């Protein structure tokens, strides 16, 4: 299963790690944190996919940061083909009681976009062009702990999601769901 994610994740890790080393200098001495999240075990139907993701958080001030993250999702189905595809998020993080730089409790409005290639299931007469386009927005509450250069964080919050299906069964779905997750990271550049 991990072989499926190896190439895209290695490429993204290399790209973000190299950028993370230089972005902190470009951001005039602010912090930048490269993060990794992996869910190789838990899957719940269409709600929680197997996934791997990377991101970078760039400090704007000691109490705020911007984070860009991406993941590749893989929904194992009972059918012949899985649903799979990328998802990207842009988060603004506000740390109201940060004791150092960008750590502790945070509030984070976000927007996200994604695309899923929908598996044909058991119906092999369907074309291979079925896709779902996802757009979402919401707000997270989370906590980021900092130990020297290492970070761990957990977050959760409601998100409004719009999913447009194209292909054999076109249509639009709108719903509210819970975005949640955990990441581990490595911080570059201390203020």
C-alpha atoms as a PDB file:
ATOM      1  CA  UNK A   1       0.000   0.000   0.000  1.00  0.00           C
ATOM      2  CA  UNK A   2       2.778   2.451   0.858  1.00  0.00           C
ATOM      3  CA  UNK A   3       4.390   1.828  -2.541  1.00  0.00           C
ATOM      4  CA  UNK A   4       1.368   3.552  -4.055  1.00  0.00           C
ATOM      5  CA  UNK A   5       2.205   6.794  -2.189  1.00  0.00           C
ATOM      6  CA  UNK A   6       6.005   6.609  -2.386  1.00  0.00           C
ATOM      7  CA  UNK A   7       6.705   8.667  -5.531  1.00  0.00           C
ATOM      8  CA  UNK A   8       4.280  11.575  -4.960  1.00  0.00           C
ATOM      9  CA  UNK A   9       5.158  11.854  -1.264  1.00  0.00           C
ATOM     10  CA  UNK A  10       8.935  11.677  -1.806  1.00  0.00           C
ATOM     11  CA  UNK A  11       8.702  14.408  -4.437  1.00  0.00           C
ATOM     12  CA  UNK A  12       6.583  16.655  -2.186  1.00  0.00           C
ATOM     13  CA  UNK A  13       8.820  16.012   0.846  1.00  0.00           C
ATOM     14  CA  UNK A  14      11.953  16.942  -1.078  1.00  0.00           C
ATOM     15  CA  UNK A  15      10.332  20.033  -2.519  1.00  0.00           C
ATOM     16  CA  UNK A  16       8.985  21.265   0.829  1.00  0.00           C
ATOM     17  CA  UNK A  17      12.136  20.401   2.768  1.00  0.00           C
ATOM     18  CA  UNK A  18      14.327  22.368   0.358  1.00  0.00           C
ATOM     19  CA  UNK A  19      11.834  25.240   0.324  1.00  0.00           C
ATOM     20  CA  UNK A  20      11.497  25.134   4.107  1.00  0.00           C
ATOM     21  CA  UNK A  21      15.236  25.666   4.511  1.00  0.00           C
ATOM     22  CA  UNK A  22      15.165  28.797   2.349  1.00  0.00           C
ATOM     23  CA  UNK A  23      11.705  30.210   3.049  1.00  0.00           C
ATOM     24  CA  UNK A  24      12.587  31.175   6.625  1.00  0.00           C
ATOM     25  CA  UNK A  25      15.342  33.432   5.263  1.00  0.00           C
ATOM     26  CA  UNK A  26      13.011  34.959   2.667  1.00  0.00           C
ATOM     27  CA  UNK A  27      10.371  35.609   5.361  1.00  0.00           C
ATOM     28  CA  UNK A  28      12.807  37.952   7.139  1.00  0.00           C
ATOM     29  CA  UNK A  29      13.769  35.692  10.002  1.00  0.00           C
ATOM     30  CA  UNK A  30      10.326  34.266  10.737  1.00  0.00           C
ATOM     31  CA  UNK A  31       9.805  30.573  11.359  1.00  0.00           C
ATOM     32  CA  UNK A  32       8.944  27.946   8.787  1.00  0.00           C
ATOM     33  CA  UNK A  33       7.875  24.427   9.699  1.00  0.00           C
ATOM     34  CA  UNK A  34       7.772  21.466   7.316  1.00  0.00           C
ATOM     35  CA  UNK A  35       5.056  18.982   8.357  1.00  0.00           C
ATOM     36  CA  UNK A  36       4.106  15.404   7.539  1.00  0.00           C
ATOM     37  CA  UNK A  37       0.843  13.565   8.143  1.00  0.00           C
ATOM     38  CA  UNK A  38       0.171   9.929   7.329  1.00  0.00           C
ATOM     39  CA  UNK A  39      -2.921   7.760   7.775  1.00  0.00           C
ATOM     40  CA  UNK A  40      -1.829   4.304   6.576  1.00  0.00           C
ATOM     41  CA  UNK A  41      -4.167   2.304   8.827  1.00  0.00           C
ATOM     42  CA  UNK A  42      -7.582   3.817   9.560  1.00  0.00           C
ATOM     43  CA  UNK A  43     -10.226   4.082   6.844  1.00  0.00           C
ATOM     44  CA  UNK A  44     -13.936   4.673   7.393  1.00  0.00           C
ATOM     45  CA  UNK A  45     -15.973   4.236   4.182  1.00  0.00           C
ATOM     46  CA  UNK A  46     -16.021   7.519   2.197  1.00  0.00           C
ATOM     47  CA  UNK A  47     -15.286   9.644   5.289  1.00  0.00           C
ATOM     48  CA  UNK A  48     -11.655   8.849   6.179  1.00  0.00           C
ATOM     49  CA  UNK A  49      -9.301   7.729   3.395  1.00  0.00           C
ATOM     50  CA  UNK A  50      -5.866   6.229   3.602  1.00  0.00           C
ATOM     51  CA  UNK A  51      -3.677   9.277   2.990  1.00  0.00           C
ATOM     52  CA  UNK A  52      -0.258  10.861   3.166  1.00  0.00           C
ATOM     53  CA  UNK A  53       0.402  14.581   3.155  1.00  0.00           C
ATOM     54  CA  UNK A  54       3.014  17.271   3.535  1.00  0.00           C
ATOM     55  CA  UNK A  55       2.788  20.966   4.321  1.00  0.00           C
ATOM     56  CA  UNK A  56       4.747  24.061   5.231  1.00  0.00           C
ATOM     57  CA  UNK A  57       3.765  26.682   7.828  1.00  0.00           C
ATOM     58  CA  UNK A  58       5.393  30.099   7.442  1.00  0.00           C
ATOM     59  CA  UNK A  59       5.319  32.499  10.391  1.00  0.00           C
ATOM     60  CA  UNK A  60       4.089  35.998   9.587  1.00  0.00           C
ATOM     61  CA  UNK A  61       4.436  37.258  13.156  1.00  0.00           C
ATOM     62  CA  UNK A  62       4.888  35.577  16.571  1.00  0.00           C
ATOM     63  CA  UNK A  63       1.096  35.169  16.740  1.00  0.00           C
ATOM     64  CA  UNK A  64       0.152  34.328  13.137  1.00  0.00           C
ATOM     65  CA  UNK A  65       1.181  32.062  10.270  1.00  0.00           C
ATOM     66  CA  UNK A  66       0.130  30.822   6.838  1.00  0.00           C
ATOM     67  CA  UNK A  67       0.124  27.108   6.097  1.00  0.00           C
ATOM     68  CA  UNK A  68      -0.064  25.382   2.713  1.00  0.00           C
ATOM     69  CA  UNK A  69      -0.588  21.623   2.741  1.00  0.00           C
ATOM     70  CA  UNK A  70      -1.399  18.870   0.310  1.00  0.00           C
ATOM     71  CA  UNK A  71      -2.282  15.216   0.553  1.00  0.00           C
ATOM     72  CA  UNK A  72      -2.927  12.239  -1.671  1.00  0.00           C
ATOM     73  CA  UNK A  73      -5.991  10.192  -0.691  1.00  0.00           C
ATOM     74  CA  UNK A  74      -6.785   6.571  -1.468  1.00  0.00           C
ATOM     75  CA  UNK A  75     -10.218   5.128  -0.646  1.00  0.00           C
ATOM     76  CA  UNK A  76      -9.961   1.328  -0.615  1.00  0.00           C
ATOM     77  CA  UNK A  77     -13.243   0.019  -1.949  1.00  0.00           C
ATOM     78  CA  UNK A  78     -14.774  -3.406  -2.002  1.00  0.00           C
ATOM     79  CA  UNK A  79     -15.036  -2.802  -5.748  1.00  0.00           C
ATOM     80  CA  UNK A  80     -12.378  -3.442  -8.364  1.00  0.00           C
ATOM     81  CA  UNK A  81     -11.029   0.142  -8.401  1.00  0.00           C
ATOM     82  CA  UNK A  82     -10.349   2.635  -5.582  1.00  0.00           C
ATOM     83  CA  UNK A  83     -11.217   6.341  -5.505  1.00  0.00           C
ATOM     84  CA  UNK A  84      -8.008   8.390  -5.342  1.00  0.00           C
ATOM     85  CA  UNK A  85      -6.719  11.925  -5.805  1.00  0.00           C
ATOM     86  CA  UNK A  86      -5.036  15.018  -4.344  1.00  0.00           C
ATOM     87  CA  UNK A  87      -6.350  17.666  -1.939  1.00  0.00           C
ATOM     88  CA  UNK A  88      -4.779  21.036  -1.049  1.00  0.00           C
ATOM     89  CA  UNK A  89      -5.446  23.463   1.822  1.00  0.00           C
ATOM     90  CA  UNK A  90      -4.520  27.052   2.634  1.00  0.00           C
ATOM     91  CA  UNK A  91      -4.827  27.914   6.345  1.00  0.00           C
ATOM     92  CA  UNK A  92      -4.357  31.196   8.208  1.00  0.00           C
ATOM     93  CA  UNK A  93      -3.384  30.451  11.797  1.00  0.00           C
ATOM     94  CA  UNK A  94      -3.788  32.776  14.744  1.00  0.00           C
ATOM     95  CA  UNK A  95      -2.027  31.866  18.029  1.00  0.00           C
ATOM     96  CA  UNK A  96      -3.642  34.129  20.675  1.00  0.00           C
ATOM     97  CA  UNK A  97      -1.503  32.999  23.633  1.00  0.00           C
ATOM     98  CA  UNK A  98       1.740  31.977  21.949  1.00  0.00           C
ATOM     99  CA  UNK A  99       4.543  31.797  24.524  1.00  0.00           C
ATOM    100  CA  UNK A 100       7.285  31.657  21.897  1.00  0.00           C
ATOM    101  CA  UNK A 101       6.819  31.807  18.132  1.00  0.00           C
ATOM    102  CA  UNK A 102       3.781  30.123  16.557  1.00  0.00           C
ATOM    103  CA  UNK A 103       3.016  27.436  19.107  1.00  0.00           C
ATOM    104  CA  UNK A 104       0.227  26.592  21.511  1.00  0.00           C
ATOM    105  CA  UNK A 105      -3.507  26.919  20.935  1.00  0.00           C
ATOM    106  CA  UNK A 106      -4.539  28.217  17.494  1.00  0.00           C
ATOM    107  CA  UNK A 107      -7.652  29.224  15.584  1.00  0.00           C
ATOM    108  CA  UNK A 108      -7.441  28.673  11.830  1.00  0.00           C
ATOM    109  CA  UNK A 109      -9.859  29.611   9.035  1.00  0.00           C
ATOM    110  CA  UNK A 110      -9.095  27.618   5.872  1.00  0.00           C
ATOM    111  CA  UNK A 111     -10.050  26.924   2.273  1.00  0.00           C
ATOM    112  CA  UNK A 112      -9.422  23.689   0.379  1.00  0.00           C
ATOM    113  CA  UNK A 113      -9.719  22.202  -3.095  1.00  0.00           C
ATOM    114  CA  UNK A 114      -9.449  18.625  -4.263  1.00  0.00           C
ATOM    115  CA  UNK A 115     -10.097  16.158  -7.021  1.00  0.00           C
ATOM    116  CA  UNK A 116     -10.963  12.471  -6.872  1.00  0.00           C
ATOM    117  CA  UNK A 117     -10.789  10.000  -9.732  1.00  0.00           C
ATOM    118  CA  UNK A 118     -13.781   7.803  -8.991  1.00  0.00           C
ATOM    119  CA  UNK A 119     -13.301   4.069  -9.463  1.00  0.00           C
ATOM    120  CA  UNK A 120     -15.662   2.283 -11.798  1.00  0.00           C
ATOM    121  CA  UNK A 121     -16.717  -0.170  -9.131  1.00  0.00           C
ATOM    122  CA  UNK A 122     -18.147  -3.370 -10.499  1.00  0.00           C
ATOM    123  CA  UNK A 123     -19.547  -1.685 -13.627  1.00  0.00           C
ATOM    124  CA  UNK A 124     -16.726  -1.879 -16.184  1.00  0.00           C
ATOM    125  CA  UNK A 125     -18.991  -0.312 -18.832  1.00  0.00           C
ATOM    126  CA  UNK A 126     -18.568   3.097 -17.163  1.00  0.00           C
ATOM    127  CA  UNK A 127     -15.977   5.418 -18.719  1.00  0.00           C
ATOM    128  CA  UNK A 128     -12.719   6.069 -16.901  1.00  0.00           C
ATOM    129  CA  UNK A 129     -13.448   9.812 -16.708  1.00  0.00           C
ATOM    130  CA  UNK A 130     -15.636   9.983 -13.594  1.00  0.00           C
ATOM    131  CA  UNK A 131     -14.292  12.671 -11.241  1.00  0.00           C
ATOM    132  CA  UNK A 132     -15.344  14.607  -8.185  1.00  0.00           C
ATOM    133  CA  UNK A 133     -14.207  18.230  -7.761  1.00  0.00           C
ATOM    134  CA  UNK A 134     -14.181  19.381  -4.149  1.00  0.00           C
ATOM    135  CA  UNK A 135     -14.240  22.866  -2.625  1.00  0.00           C
ATOM    136  CA  UNK A 136     -14.440  23.570   1.073  1.00  0.00           C
ATOM    137  CA  UNK A 137     -14.084  26.250   3.720  1.00  0.00           C
ATOM    138  CA  UNK A 138     -14.182  26.150   7.484  1.00  0.00           C
ATOM    139  CA  UNK A 139     -12.451  26.908  10.750  1.00  0.00           C
ATOM    140  CA  UNK A 140     -10.192  24.749  12.937  1.00  0.00           C
ATOM    141  CA  UNK A 141      -9.273  24.783  16.597  1.00  0.00           C
ATOM    142  CA  UNK A 142      -5.980  23.094  17.372  1.00  0.00           C
ATOM    143  CA  UNK A 143      -2.837  22.913  19.454  1.00  0.00           C
ATOM    144  CA  UNK A 144       0.768  22.835  18.231  1.00  0.00           C
ATOM    145  CA  UNK A 145       3.444  21.726  20.704  1.00  0.00           C
ATOM    146  CA  UNK A 146       7.075  22.684  20.095  1.00  0.00           C
ATOM    147  CA  UNK A 147      10.114  20.779  21.448  1.00  0.00           C
ATOM    148  CA  UNK A 148      13.338  22.364  20.236  1.00  0.00           C
ATOM    149  CA  UNK A 149      12.854  22.033  16.442  1.00  0.00           C
ATOM    150  CA  UNK A 150      10.160  19.310  16.470  1.00  0.00           C
ATOM    151  CA  UNK A 151       6.425  19.997  16.429  1.00  0.00           C
ATOM    152  CA  UNK A 152       3.346  17.867  16.999  1.00  0.00           C
ATOM    153  CA  UNK A 153      -0.150  19.178  16.452  1.00  0.00           C
ATOM    154  CA  UNK A 154      -3.748  18.102  16.502  1.00  0.00           C
ATOM    155  CA  UNK A 155      -6.717  20.004  15.092  1.00  0.00           C
ATOM    156  CA  UNK A 156     -10.436  19.669  14.363  1.00  0.00           C
ATOM    157  CA  UNK A 157     -13.267  21.855  13.139  1.00  0.00           C
ATOM    158  CA  UNK A 158     -16.352  22.122  10.946  1.00  0.00           C
ATOM    159  CA  UNK A 159     -16.093  22.552   7.175  1.00  0.00           C
ATOM    160  CA  UNK A 160     -18.655  23.373   4.506  1.00  0.00           C
ATOM    161  CA  UNK A 161     -17.977  21.181   1.467  1.00  0.00           C
ATOM    162  CA  UNK A 162     -19.248  21.363  -2.122  1.00  0.00           C
ATOM    163  CA  UNK A 163     -18.617  18.314  -4.333  1.00  0.00           C
ATOM    164  CA  UNK A 164     -19.374  18.450  -8.062  1.00  0.00           C
ATOM    165  CA  UNK A 165     -19.418  15.091  -9.855  1.00  0.00           C
ATOM    166  CA  UNK A 166     -18.613  14.960 -13.564  1.00  0.00           C
ATOM    167  CA  UNK A 167     -18.797  11.969 -15.869  1.00  0.00           C
ATOM    168  CA  UNK A 168     -21.511   9.304 -15.873  1.00  0.00           C
ATOM    169  CA  UNK A 169     -23.442  10.659 -12.863  1.00  0.00           C
ATOM    170  CA  UNK A 170     -23.156  14.480 -12.835  1.00  0.00           C
ATOM    171  CA  UNK A 171     -24.470  16.436  -9.889  1.00  0.00           C
ATOM    172  CA  UNK A 172     -23.588  18.638  -6.920  1.00  0.00           C
ATOM    173  CA  UNK A 173     -23.618  17.725  -3.225  1.00  0.00           C
ATOM    174  CA  UNK A 174     -23.297  20.196  -0.344  1.00  0.00           C
ATOM    175  CA  UNK A 175     -22.712  19.166   3.245  1.00  0.00           C
ATOM    176  CA  UNK A 176     -20.976  20.047   6.521  1.00  0.00           C
ATOM    177  CA  UNK A 177     -18.352  17.667   7.832  1.00  0.00           C
ATOM    178  CA  UNK A 178     -15.528  17.536  10.396  1.00  0.00           C
ATOM    179  CA  UNK A 179     -11.945  18.177   9.253  1.00  0.00           C
ATOM    180  CA  UNK A 180      -9.493  16.749  11.788  1.00  0.00           C
ATOM    181  CA  UNK A 181      -5.931  15.482  11.850  1.00  0.00           C
ATOM    182  CA  UNK A 182      -2.481  15.186  13.391  1.00  0.00           C
ATOM    183  CA  UNK A 183       0.899  16.259  12.006  1.00  0.00           C
ATOM    184  CA  UNK A 184       4.547  15.973  12.983  1.00  0.00           C
ATOM    185  CA  UNK A 185       6.974  18.646  11.820  1.00  0.00           C
ATOM    186  CA  UNK A 186      10.484  20.055  11.749  1.00  0.00           C
ATOM    187  CA  UNK A 187      10.949  23.813  12.319  1.00  0.00           C
ATOM    188  CA  UNK A 188      13.501  25.984  10.521  1.00  0.00           C
ATOM    189  CA  UNK A 189      14.505  29.516  11.470  1.00  0.00           C
ATOM    190  CA  UNK A 190      13.730  30.843  14.924  1.00  0.00           C
ATOM    191  CA  UNK A 191      12.926  34.476  15.440  1.00  0.00           C
END
